[in-house]
Protein backbone atom coordinates (compact mmCIF):
# COMPACT_ATOMS: atom_id res chain seq x y z
CA UNK A 1 -0.27 0.04 -0.16
CA UNK A 2 1.38 3.39 -0.93
CA UNK A 3 1.99 5.96 2.06
CA UNK A 4 -0.31 9.07 1.05
CA UNK A 5 2.40 12.45 1.55
CA UNK A 6 1.18 16.25 2.57
CA UNK A 7 0.65 16.67 -1.43
CA UNK A 8 -1.16 14.08 -2.57
CA UNK A 9 -4.80 13.13 -1.95
CA UNK A 10 -6.52 10.07 -1.08
CA UNK A 11 -9.50 10.97 -3.75
CA UNK A 12 -9.41 11.54 -7.23
CA UNK A 13 -8.45 15.36 -7.96
CA UNK A 14 -11.13 16.30 -11.19
CA UNK A 15 -10.64 20.47 -11.03
CA UNK A 16 -11.46 20.50 -14.65
CA UNK A 17 -15.30 19.03 -14.39
CA UNK A 18 -18.19 21.27 -15.00
CA UNK A 19 -21.09 20.15 -13.49
CA UNK A 20 -24.02 21.16 -15.83
CA UNK A 21 -26.78 23.25 -14.32
CA UNK A 22 -29.31 20.51 -14.21
CA UNK A 23 -26.89 18.51 -12.21
CA UNK A 24 -25.76 21.11 -9.84
CA UNK A 25 -30.14 21.81 -9.42
CA UNK A 26 -30.33 18.30 -8.30
CA UNK A 27 -28.01 18.00 -5.59
CA UNK A 28 -29.42 21.67 -4.33
CA UNK A 29 -32.18 19.71 -3.96
CA UNK A 30 -30.35 16.65 -2.15
CA UNK A 31 -28.51 18.63 0.38
CA UNK A 32 -32.07 20.93 1.25
CA UNK A 33 -33.76 17.47 1.22
CA UNK A 34 -31.63 15.46 3.29
CA UNK A 35 -31.14 18.64 5.93
CA UNK A 36 -34.95 18.65 6.49
CA UNK A 37 -34.68 14.77 6.71
CA UNK A 38 -32.00 14.90 9.44
CA UNK A 39 -33.50 18.51 11.19
CA UNK A 40 -30.11 20.18 10.84
CA UNK A 41 -29.19 23.13 8.95
CA UNK A 42 -26.46 22.02 7.40
CA UNK A 43 -25.99 18.94 4.81
CA UNK A 44 -23.38 19.46 2.09
CA UNK A 45 -21.66 18.03 -0.71
CA UNK A 46 -17.59 18.81 -0.88
CA UNK A 47 -15.41 18.80 -3.62
CA UNK A 48 -12.18 18.10 -2.91
CA UNK A 49 -8.86 19.95 -4.30
CA UNK A 50 -5.29 19.10 -3.70
CA UNK A 51 -4.74 20.90 -0.66
CA UNK A 52 -8.23 21.32 0.56
CA UNK A 53 -12.21 21.06 0.30
CA UNK A 54 -14.34 23.29 -1.10
CA UNK A 55 -18.30 23.67 0.11
CA UNK A 56 -19.43 22.96 -3.69
CA UNK A 57 -23.08 22.58 -2.57
CA UNK A 58 -24.84 23.81 1.18
CA UNK A 59 -28.29 23.19 1.69
CA UNK A 60 -30.34 26.79 1.96
CA UNK A 61 -31.65 27.03 5.69
CA UNK A 62 -32.10 29.40 8.51
CA UNK A 63 -29.11 29.13 10.25
CA UNK A 64 -26.58 27.61 7.75
CA UNK A 65 -22.78 28.49 8.73
CA UNK A 66 -21.13 27.20 5.48
CA UNK A 67 -20.78 29.48 2.47
CA UNK A 68 -20.62 27.92 -1.47
CA UNK A 69 -17.40 28.13 -2.28
CA UNK A 70 -15.25 28.24 1.30
CA UNK A 71 -12.50 25.68 1.43
CA UNK A 72 -10.75 23.70 4.13
CA UNK A 73 -7.90 22.18 4.73
């Protein structure tokens, strides 16, 4: 098994893929539904980048503390 270094990700990095508007709208609906079902303000779909993850889609609820496009290490 190959060791993962600090500059590598164990997940595939696909920064160049454009998500069609219809698929993005479906993902938005899914995050809103998951948030409602779980009874929590935050449901997220994250995008993996080489050195961080990004909030790609987030539920649209009052009390949501995450912002679309924000990254974290």
